Amino acid sequence: SFTVSSGSTVPGTSYRLERTRSRSIVDKDGNPADVSEAVLKNSSNNAETTLVRGIPAAAGDANAQIHLRGHGHTIPVRGGDRFSLPGEEDVTYEVLEVRSDQVVVRDTASGSAHTIFKAAQ
């Protein structure tokens, strides 16, 4: 365990703590939840990563392929990418997070988030 202050490098990494923000929300069950954030910047490529309390961190370079059943299309995605589905070019999605078992996307028009789960092998 260690403490890092804004502007300092996280020991043993190339990440610098840019800023923190205290946040709390009420979860779906009506309970208060601490979702405070820490923003880290990778000194090797200047990419920012936001860590949220209680959510496992994901590498900023994580990627996935979204296979569209029945369409024969595959869409390669990374965090921050925007894409549309074939035949629905008027709807744009933004990739919020790529996880080991799912991709979280947001409809840019409505703001609604959707989770795409990894298909069973």
Protein backbone atom coordinates (compact mmCIF):
# COMPACT_ATOMS: atom_id res chain seq x y z
CA SER A 1 0.00 0.00 0.00
CA PHE A 2 1.22 3.50 -0.80
CA THR A 3 -0.05 7.04 -1.15
CA VAL A 4 0.31 9.09 -4.33
CA SER A 5 -0.41 12.81 -4.55
CA SER A 6 -1.47 14.70 -7.67
CA GLY A 7 1.41 15.17 -10.08
CA SER A 8 3.37 12.22 -8.66
CA THR A 9 4.25 9.01 -10.47
CA VAL A 10 2.68 5.76 -9.25
CA PRO A 11 5.64 3.68 -7.99
CA GLY A 12 6.82 1.02 -10.43
CA THR A 13 4.74 2.34 -13.34
CA SER A 14 4.86 4.96 -16.07
CA TYR A 15 1.59 6.51 -14.79
CA ARG A 16 1.30 9.92 -13.14
CA LEU A 17 -1.72 10.86 -11.01
CA GLU A 18 -3.30 13.82 -12.81
CA ARG A 19 -6.32 14.49 -10.59
CA THR A 20 -8.90 12.93 -8.30
CA ARG A 21 -12.59 13.58 -7.85
CA SER A 22 -14.82 12.49 -4.97
CA ARG A 23 -18.16 11.16 -6.20
CA SER A 24 -21.02 9.24 -4.69
CA ILE A 25 -24.20 7.89 -6.21
CA VAL A 26 -27.22 5.88 -5.15
CA ASP A 27 -27.02 2.38 -6.64
CA LYS A 28 -29.89 0.44 -8.21
CA ASP A 29 -30.89 -0.90 -4.77
CA GLY A 30 -31.05 2.59 -3.25
CA ASN A 31 -27.78 2.28 -1.34
CA PRO A 32 -25.11 5.00 -1.36
CA ALA A 33 -21.99 4.03 -3.32
CA ASP A 34 -18.57 5.66 -3.45
CA VAL A 35 -17.55 6.00 -7.11
CA SER A 36 -14.66 8.40 -6.64
CA GLU A 37 -12.29 8.72 -9.59
CA ALA A 38 -8.55 8.98 -10.12
CA VAL A 39 -7.23 10.05 -13.53
CA LEU A 40 -3.81 8.66 -14.47
CA LYS A 41 -1.67 9.72 -17.45
CA ASN A 42 0.76 7.32 -19.10
CA SER A 43 4.01 9.23 -19.54
CA SER A 44 5.06 7.09 -22.51
CA ASN A 45 2.06 7.91 -24.73
CA ASN A 46 0.06 10.59 -22.80
CA ALA A 47 -3.04 8.36 -22.75
CA GLU A 48 -5.34 9.02 -19.81
CA THR A 49 -7.01 6.26 -17.81
CA THR A 50 -9.80 6.89 -15.33
CA LEU A 51 -9.96 4.55 -12.35
CA VAL A 52 -13.26 4.28 -10.49
CA ARG A 53 -13.36 3.04 -6.90
CA GLY A 54 -14.64 -0.54 -6.72
CA ILE A 55 -14.29 -1.25 -10.47
CA PRO A 56 -11.36 -3.36 -11.70
CA ALA A 57 -8.90 -1.37 -13.80
CA ALA A 58 -8.53 -2.15 -17.48
CA ALA A 59 -5.54 -1.39 -19.65
CA GLY A 60 -6.08 1.53 -22.00
CA ASP A 61 -4.87 -0.52 -24.95
CA ALA A 62 -7.44 -3.31 -24.49
CA ASN A 63 -9.29 -4.25 -27.65
CA ALA A 64 -12.02 -6.60 -28.78
CA GLN A 65 -13.84 -7.76 -31.87
CA ILE A 66 -17.61 -7.49 -32.02
CA HIS A 67 -19.01 -10.27 -34.23
CA LEU A 68 -22.44 -9.52 -35.63
CA ARG A 69 -24.37 -12.76 -35.95
CA GLY A 70 -26.32 -13.06 -39.17
CA HIS A 71 -24.49 -10.13 -40.76
CA GLY A 72 -21.10 -11.70 -41.40
CA HIS A 73 -19.39 -8.56 -40.05
CA THR A 74 -16.74 -8.12 -37.40
CA ILE A 75 -16.01 -4.72 -35.88
CA PRO A 76 -12.61 -4.31 -34.15
CA VAL A 77 -12.91 -1.85 -31.24
CA ARG A 78 -10.82 -0.12 -28.57
CA GLY A 79 -11.87 2.22 -25.78
CA GLY A 80 -13.04 5.56 -27.22
CA ASP A 81 -13.81 4.19 -30.69
CA ARG A 82 -17.07 5.10 -32.40
CA PHE A 83 -18.88 2.76 -34.77
CA SER A 84 -22.23 2.11 -36.44
CA LEU A 85 -23.89 -1.20 -37.22
CA PRO A 86 -24.37 -2.20 -40.87
CA GLY A 87 -27.75 -0.95 -42.04
CA GLU A 88 -28.03 1.42 -39.06
CA GLU A 89 -25.47 4.07 -40.03
CA ASP A 90 -27.60 6.82 -38.45
CA VAL A 91 -26.94 5.33 -34.98
CA THR A 92 -23.42 5.78 -33.56
CA TYR A 93 -22.01 3.94 -30.56
CA GLU A 94 -18.98 4.92 -28.48
CA VAL A 95 -16.89 2.24 -26.77
CA LEU A 96 -16.74 3.17 -23.07
CA GLU A 97 -14.76 0.20 -21.84
CA VAL A 98 -13.28 -3.06 -23.06
CA ARG A 99 -13.18 -5.75 -20.38
CA SER A 100 -12.02 -9.36 -20.51
CA ASP A 101 -15.59 -10.68 -20.85
CA GLN A 102 -17.57 -7.73 -22.22
CA VAL A 103 -17.59 -4.43 -24.08
CA VAL A 104 -19.56 -1.46 -22.73
CA VAL A 105 -20.87 0.94 -25.38
CA ARG A 106 -23.03 4.07 -25.32
CA ASP A 107 -25.55 5.19 -27.93
CA THR A 108 -24.22 8.70 -28.62
CA ALA A 109 -27.68 10.12 -29.41
CA SER A 110 -29.65 8.79 -26.44
CA GLY A 111 -26.76 8.38 -23.99
CA SER A 112 -27.99 4.91 -23.02
CA ALA A 113 -25.27 2.39 -22.20
CA HIS A 114 -25.29 -1.24 -23.37
CA THR A 115 -23.12 -4.19 -22.37
CA ILE A 116 -22.08 -6.68 -25.04
CA PHE A 117 -21.07 -9.94 -23.38
CA LYS A 118 -18.42 -12.32 -24.67
CA ALA A 119 -20.00 -15.22 -26.55
CA ALA A 120 -19.69 -18.68 -25.04
CA GLN A 121 -16.92 -20.67 -26.72
